[in-house]
Each structure stands twice: as structure tokens, then as C-alpha cells.
Protein backbone atom coordinates (compact mmCIF):
# COMPACT_ATOMS: atom_id res chain seq x y z
CA UNK A 1 -52.70 -16.25 46.70
CA UNK A 2 -53.43 -16.31 42.96
CA UNK A 3 -51.81 -19.20 41.12
CA UNK A 4 -49.23 -18.25 38.48
CA UNK A 5 -50.35 -18.64 34.87
CA UNK A 6 -47.79 -20.86 33.13
CA UNK A 7 -47.57 -21.44 29.37
CA UNK A 8 -45.37 -24.44 28.54
CA UNK A 9 -44.31 -24.92 24.92
CA UNK A 10 -42.32 -27.79 23.41
CA UNK A 11 -39.22 -26.93 21.37
CA UNK A 12 -38.70 -29.62 18.71
CA UNK A 13 -41.31 -29.54 15.94
CA UNK A 14 -43.33 -26.90 17.77
CA UNK A 15 -41.11 -23.83 18.19
CA UNK A 16 -38.30 -25.20 16.00
CA UNK A 17 -38.74 -27.59 13.07
CA UNK A 18 -36.80 -30.79 13.76
CA UNK A 19 -38.02 -33.51 11.43
CA UNK A 20 -38.14 -31.23 8.39
CA UNK A 21 -34.49 -30.32 8.96
CA UNK A 22 -33.54 -33.94 9.64
CA UNK A 23 -35.20 -35.00 6.37
CA UNK A 24 -33.34 -32.28 4.50
CA UNK A 25 -30.03 -33.64 5.85
CA UNK A 26 -31.10 -37.21 5.06
CA UNK A 27 -31.97 -36.31 1.47
CA UNK A 28 -28.68 -34.49 1.00
CA UNK A 29 -26.87 -37.69 1.97
CA UNK A 30 -29.24 -40.27 0.42
CA UNK A 31 -28.42 -41.99 -2.85
CA UNK A 32 -31.82 -43.63 -3.22
CA UNK A 33 -35.40 -42.62 -2.44
CA UNK A 34 -35.92 -39.20 -0.90
CA UNK A 35 -38.04 -38.68 2.21
CA UNK A 36 -40.80 -36.19 2.96
CA UNK A 37 -42.55 -35.33 6.23
CA UNK A 38 -45.40 -37.64 5.20
CA UNK A 39 -43.06 -40.62 5.60
CA UNK A 40 -43.12 -39.91 9.34
CA UNK A 41 -46.59 -41.20 10.12
CA UNK A 42 -45.84 -41.94 13.81
CA UNK A 43 -43.02 -41.60 16.33
CA UNK A 44 -41.34 -44.93 15.58
CA UNK A 45 -41.10 -44.28 11.84
CA UNK A 46 -39.08 -41.11 12.43
CA UNK A 47 -36.54 -42.96 14.54
CA UNK A 48 -36.38 -45.77 11.99
CA UNK A 49 -35.13 -43.44 9.24
CA UNK A 50 -33.50 -40.60 11.11
CA UNK A 51 -31.98 -41.82 14.40
CA UNK A 52 -28.32 -41.25 13.34
CA UNK A 53 -29.21 -37.70 12.34
CA UNK A 54 -31.10 -37.13 15.62
CA UNK A 55 -27.95 -38.17 17.49
CA UNK A 56 -25.61 -35.87 15.57
CA UNK A 57 -25.07 -32.14 16.05
CA UNK A 58 -25.57 -30.92 12.48
CA UNK A 59 -29.35 -31.12 12.90
CA UNK A 60 -29.37 -28.86 15.95
CA UNK A 61 -26.90 -26.41 14.44
CA UNK A 62 -29.34 -25.94 11.55
CA UNK A 63 -32.47 -25.52 13.68
CA UNK A 64 -34.18 -22.12 13.61
CA UNK A 65 -37.47 -21.14 15.30
CA UNK A 66 -40.53 -20.54 13.15
CA UNK A 67 -40.44 -16.74 12.64
CA UNK A 68 -43.93 -16.29 14.09
CA UNK A 69 -42.76 -17.61 17.48
CA UNK A 70 -40.23 -14.76 17.73
CA UNK A 71 -43.23 -12.44 18.01
CA UNK A 72 -45.72 -14.66 19.82
CA UNK A 73 -43.50 -15.86 22.69
CA UNK A 74 -42.74 -12.32 23.95
CA UNK A 75 -46.46 -11.54 23.74
CA UNK A 76 -47.36 -14.68 25.70
CA UNK A 77 -44.67 -13.85 28.25
CA UNK A 78 -46.48 -10.57 28.94
CA UNK A 79 -49.64 -12.54 29.73
CA UNK A 80 -48.08 -15.25 31.88
CA UNK A 81 -44.83 -17.14 32.41
CA UNK A 82 -43.65 -18.90 29.25
CA UNK A 83 -41.72 -22.11 29.91
CA UNK A 84 -39.87 -23.99 27.17
CA UNK A 85 -40.39 -27.65 28.06
CA UNK A 86 -38.12 -29.86 25.99
CA UNK A 87 -36.65 -33.35 26.23
CA UNK A 88 -33.71 -33.84 23.83
CA UNK A 89 -31.14 -36.61 24.13
CA UNK A 90 -29.19 -36.12 27.40
CA UNK A 91 -25.97 -35.43 25.50
CA UNK A 92 -27.69 -32.41 23.93
CA UNK A 93 -29.01 -30.83 27.15
CA UNK A 94 -26.32 -28.14 27.39
CA UNK A 95 -26.57 -27.26 23.70
CA UNK A 96 -30.37 -27.00 23.93
CA UNK A 97 -30.17 -24.61 26.89
CA UNK A 98 -27.77 -22.35 24.97
CA UNK A 99 -29.92 -22.66 21.85
CA UNK A 100 -33.01 -21.40 23.71
CA UNK A 101 -31.11 -18.54 25.34
CA UNK A 102 -29.72 -17.53 21.94
CA UNK A 103 -33.08 -17.22 20.22
CA UNK A 104 -35.11 -16.05 23.24
CA UNK A 105 -32.80 -14.03 25.51
CA UNK A 106 -35.82 -12.57 27.35
CA UNK A 107 -36.46 -15.97 29.00
CA UNK A 108 -34.90 -16.51 32.43
CA UNK A 109 -33.21 -19.68 33.58
CA UNK A 110 -36.33 -20.83 35.45
CA UNK A 111 -38.29 -20.59 32.19
CA UNK A 112 -36.37 -23.45 30.60
CA UNK A 113 -37.28 -27.02 31.56
CA UNK A 114 -35.06 -29.68 30.02
CA UNK A 115 -35.61 -33.39 30.58
CA UNK A 116 -38.43 -35.95 30.83
CA UNK A 117 -41.64 -35.70 32.81
CA UNK A 118 -43.26 -32.51 31.55
CA UNK A 119 -46.58 -34.34 31.22
CA UNK A 120 -46.70 -34.60 35.02
CA UNK A 121 -46.38 -30.86 35.65
CA UNK A 122 -49.64 -28.94 36.29
CA UNK A 123 -48.97 -26.07 33.87
CA UNK A 124 -51.87 -23.82 32.93
CA UNK A 125 -51.21 -24.51 29.23
CA UNK A 126 -49.05 -27.13 27.52
CA UNK A 127 -48.45 -27.18 23.75
CA UNK A 128 -46.71 -30.27 22.33
CA UNK A 129 -46.60 -32.25 19.09
CA UNK A 130 -46.45 -35.59 20.95
CA UNK A 131 -50.05 -36.79 21.30
CA UNK A 132 -48.97 -39.22 24.05
CA UNK A 133 -47.61 -36.32 26.12
CA UNK A 134 -50.79 -34.31 25.55
CA UNK A 135 -53.03 -37.23 26.55
CA UNK A 136 -51.11 -37.81 29.81
CA UNK A 137 -50.60 -34.14 30.64
CA UNK A 138 -51.63 -32.76 34.03
CA UNK A 139 -51.86 -29.26 32.49
CA UNK A 140 -55.19 -27.48 32.82
CA UNK A 141 -55.25 -26.95 29.04
CA UNK A 142 -53.11 -29.52 27.19
CA UNK A 143 -53.11 -28.87 23.44
CA UNK A 144 -51.62 -30.59 20.40
CA UNK A 145 -49.51 -28.81 17.79
CA UNK A 146 -50.53 -30.43 14.52
CA UNK A 147 -47.97 -32.47 12.57
CA UNK A 148 -48.27 -35.38 10.08
CA UNK A 149 -47.28 -37.92 12.75
CA UNK A 150 -50.16 -36.95 15.07
CA UNK A 151 -52.92 -36.66 12.46
CA UNK A 152 -55.02 -39.41 14.12
CA UNK A 153 -55.34 -37.54 17.42
CA UNK A 154 -59.01 -36.75 18.11
CA UNK A 155 -58.62 -33.93 20.64
CA UNK A 156 -58.09 -30.19 20.25
CA UNK A 157 -55.15 -28.99 18.18
CA UNK A 158 -53.66 -25.85 16.68
CA UNK A 159 -51.58 -25.53 13.53
CA UNK A 160 -49.71 -22.23 13.95
CA UNK A 161 -48.22 -20.03 16.69
CA UNK A 162 -50.96 -17.45 16.07
CA UNK A 163 -53.61 -20.16 16.53
CA UNK A 164 -52.08 -20.95 19.93
CA UNK A 165 -51.96 -17.28 20.90
CA UNK A 166 -55.66 -16.94 20.12
CA UNK A 167 -56.42 -20.17 22.01
CA UNK A 168 -54.67 -18.85 25.13
CA UNK A 169 -56.41 -15.47 24.90
CA UNK A 170 -59.83 -17.06 24.60
CA UNK A 171 -59.26 -19.37 27.56
CA UNK A 172 -57.96 -16.52 29.71
CA UNK A 173 -60.94 -14.37 28.79
CA UNK A 174 -63.42 -17.09 29.67
CA UNK A 175 -61.79 -17.87 33.00
CA UNK A 176 -61.03 -14.35 34.16
CA UNK A 177 -64.64 -13.32 33.56
CA UNK A 178 -65.40 -15.28 36.73
CA UNK A 179 -62.96 -13.05 38.63
CA UNK A 180 -63.80 -9.73 37.00
CA UNK A 181 -62.32 -6.68 38.63
CA UNK A 182 -59.14 -8.28 39.99
CA UNK A 183 -56.98 -6.91 37.19
CA UNK A 184 -56.59 -3.69 35.28
CA UNK A 185 -57.81 -3.84 31.71
CA UNK A 186 -60.02 -5.74 29.32
CA UNK A 187 -60.64 -7.17 25.90
CA UNK A 188 -63.80 -7.97 23.97
CA UNK A 189 -64.17 -11.72 23.66
CA UNK A 190 -66.38 -14.22 21.82
CA UNK A 191 -68.17 -13.78 18.48
CA UNK A 192 -67.63 -10.04 18.22
CA UNK A 193 -63.84 -10.19 18.68
CA UNK A 194 -63.72 -12.90 15.99
CA UNK A 195 -65.71 -10.63 13.67
CA UNK A 196 -63.38 -7.71 14.39
CA UNK A 197 -60.38 -9.87 13.56
CA UNK A 198 -61.94 -11.04 10.28
CA UNK A 199 -62.57 -7.39 9.34
CA UNK A 200 -58.89 -6.63 9.68
CA UNK A 201 -58.71 -5.34 13.25
CA UNK A 202 -55.76 -6.79 15.17
CA UNK A 203 -55.38 -4.71 18.28
CA UNK A 204 -57.44 -3.28 21.13
CA UNK A 205 -56.40 -0.48 23.46
CA UNK A 206 -58.23 1.51 26.09
CA UNK A 207 -57.98 5.17 27.03
CA UNK A 208 -58.17 6.47 30.59
CA UNK A 209 -61.93 6.84 30.09
CA UNK A 210 -62.05 3.05 29.66
CA UNK A 211 -63.46 3.25 26.13
CA UNK A 212 -61.93 0.62 23.88
CA UNK A 213 -60.46 1.39 20.46
CA UNK A 214 -59.86 -1.21 17.73
CA UNK A 215 -56.92 -0.77 15.36
CA UNK A 216 -56.21 -2.19 11.91
CA UNK A 217 -52.56 -1.15 12.25
CA UNK A 218 -50.26 -3.93 13.44
CA UNK A 219 -48.99 -3.05 16.93
CA UNK A 220 -45.31 -2.60 17.76
CA UNK A 221 -43.53 -3.30 21.04
CA UNK A 222 -41.50 -0.33 22.33
CA UNK A 223 -39.79 -2.31 25.08
CA UNK A 224 -42.35 -1.36 27.70
CA UNK A 225 -45.78 -1.38 26.05
CA UNK A 226 -47.61 -2.12 22.81
CA UNK A 227 -48.28 0.86 20.52
CA UNK A 228 -50.38 1.36 17.40
CA UNK A 229 -50.55 4.53 15.32
CA UNK A 230 -53.80 5.10 13.45
CA UNK A 231 -55.66 8.33 12.73
CA UNK A 232 -59.19 6.96 13.01
CA UNK A 233 -59.36 3.79 15.11
CA UNK A 234 -62.78 2.23 15.66
CA UNK A 235 -64.15 3.64 18.93
CA UNK A 236 -66.13 0.83 20.53
CA UNK A 237 -68.97 2.64 22.25
CA UNK A 238 -72.16 0.72 22.91
CA UNK A 239 -73.83 2.40 19.91
CA UNK A 240 -70.92 1.47 17.61
CA UNK A 241 -70.98 -2.13 18.74
CA UNK A 242 -74.75 -2.32 18.16
CA UNK A 243 -74.34 -0.89 14.65
CA UNK A 244 -71.47 -3.22 13.76
CA UNK A 245 -73.47 -6.24 14.93
CA UNK A 246 -76.14 -5.20 12.40
CA UNK A 247 -73.68 -4.31 9.63
CA UNK A 248 -71.87 -7.63 9.97
CA UNK A 249 -75.09 -9.70 10.19
CA UNK A 250 -74.37 -11.03 13.65
CA UNK A 251 -77.86 -10.54 15.07
CA UNK A 252 -78.56 -14.29 15.17
CA UNK A 253 -75.32 -14.99 17.02
CA UNK A 254 -75.53 -11.91 19.26
CA UNK A 255 -79.24 -11.11 19.76
CA UNK A 256 -78.46 -8.84 22.71
CA UNK A 257 -75.29 -6.72 22.76
CA UNK A 258 -75.20 -7.08 26.53
CA UNK A 259 -73.90 -10.57 25.72
CA UNK A 260 -70.65 -8.86 24.66
CA UNK A 261 -68.74 -8.50 27.89
CA UNK A 262 -65.50 -6.78 28.70
CA UNK A 263 -63.28 -9.44 30.23
CA UNK A 264 -60.32 -8.57 32.41
CA UNK A 265 -56.82 -9.36 31.20
CA UNK A 266 -53.89 -9.32 33.60
CA UNK A 267 -52.25 -5.89 33.88
CA UNK A 268 -52.58 -4.91 30.22
CA UNK A 269 -53.73 -1.62 28.77
CA UNK A 270 -53.94 -3.13 25.29
CA UNK A 271 -53.97 -6.51 23.62
CA UNK A 272 -53.92 -8.26 20.24
CA UNK A 273 -57.10 -9.99 19.06
């Protein structure tokens, strides 16, 4: 039986800014020196200045997800099972559950994990801003979400939701190439997909003839599938790929276009790149 692909994402200071909002509240109340995010250089310094605000409810009432996550989380949930893994103060557990349901109603109850111990769960992916959690994580791909307080971490990190989306897509492509043919559709990976993205292409879709098309139009979700309307999408035949490799000066990186493989992506007729 194939193991479920799970994508665990922290809430505070990953999906939803926490310290930035706490500092805003602090500065509104402060009579002396104002704080910035750079004052929080590690975990203990945040608690030193902001613990009373962390304990209150005003902070959580003001929290809003980064807008990009409102798009990326539904996309990730089409690829695997998104799990919000969060560990607020126990007195805030019920509020946090309602908060997540409010902003992401598509997530089911079993996609919310509240409480300690997420580092011990063997998720496929875990994204967190706590470098200690990332270091201890049993996830196959633990990854840090960059913040001022984890700047000394030496491992892999991403800075934006879109960075994380691309990270997940690349890892899935690399791994599913070993199991090609088990699923239904595919995406171009590696250097060529990066070049496509840099040239303004954001979306790949395949027709029933299995020829891929690249679109510069941003896709939209119709409730069932991704759609992109464009009169002349780039038709990625072998000849077109060979020509684009030359046009974009990729010959040194891709000396043989057979190195560009079509990797299988779980049950998707189209995908962002």
C-alpha cells in the first residue's frame, strides 16, 4: 500500500505572522523604545519582551494568514494531505482550532494537529520556523521557514509560501520518477522547468494526446480543476524543447534533451511550475 504524502505546516510565524503582530501591539502600548523583528534574535528574546502579549487574546484576534498561503495551501492539498501542526499555549487550543477552520474551511478535522510533539511525527514534509523542531524532526523532508530568530541555522530554508510550493514539487518530481507510471499525469522538472518559470510560464497542462502545453496566464481553480485561458500556449514537443534549450543558452546545462524527463505527479492533469 502506498504511503500517504503528508505536508505539515506550522501556523505561528509561518502561515500567520505572530511576532510582527505582537511587536505592533507592544509598540502601541510602549512609552519608551520601540521594538522591531530584529530585536528577536532567538526564541528566549521574544518571550523576554512579549510574553504578556503572547498570553493575551488580542494578538490572536489580530492574526491573519499571509495572503499567498490562501492560494498555496489549497494547491498543496491537491498534491497531498496538508496538516496544520501548531503548538500554542494550552488555553488557546480551542481558539486556534476555530481560527484555522475560519481561514481554511477546506481542511478537515484530521488535518489539524494541535499540541506538542510534531517533531516526532514522520510527515513527508514539515515546514517550521523553529530550527530546534526542524533539527529534531522525523519528517522525510524537514525544512525551515526563514525568520530573523533562526538566521544562524545552516540547513535548507525557504522564505515564502511559493518557495515552499516549488520545494515540494521538486521533491515529488525527483521521487516519483523512481515509480514512473503509477499515476496519471506529468510535469517537466529540473533546469528546463526553472527556465520556463523565469521566462514567465507558470502552468503546465496536458491534452489527451499527452503533449504538454506551457501557459503564461495565471491558472484559476474552478472548484474541480485548474484552468488557464490562452490563445497560443507553448506546445512542448521534442522539437520545441530542443529549440528553446538553444534559444535560452541551456546547452551546457542540458547537453542532451533526453535528460529532460516527464515525471509523474499524483492524479493531476495540470500543475503550476
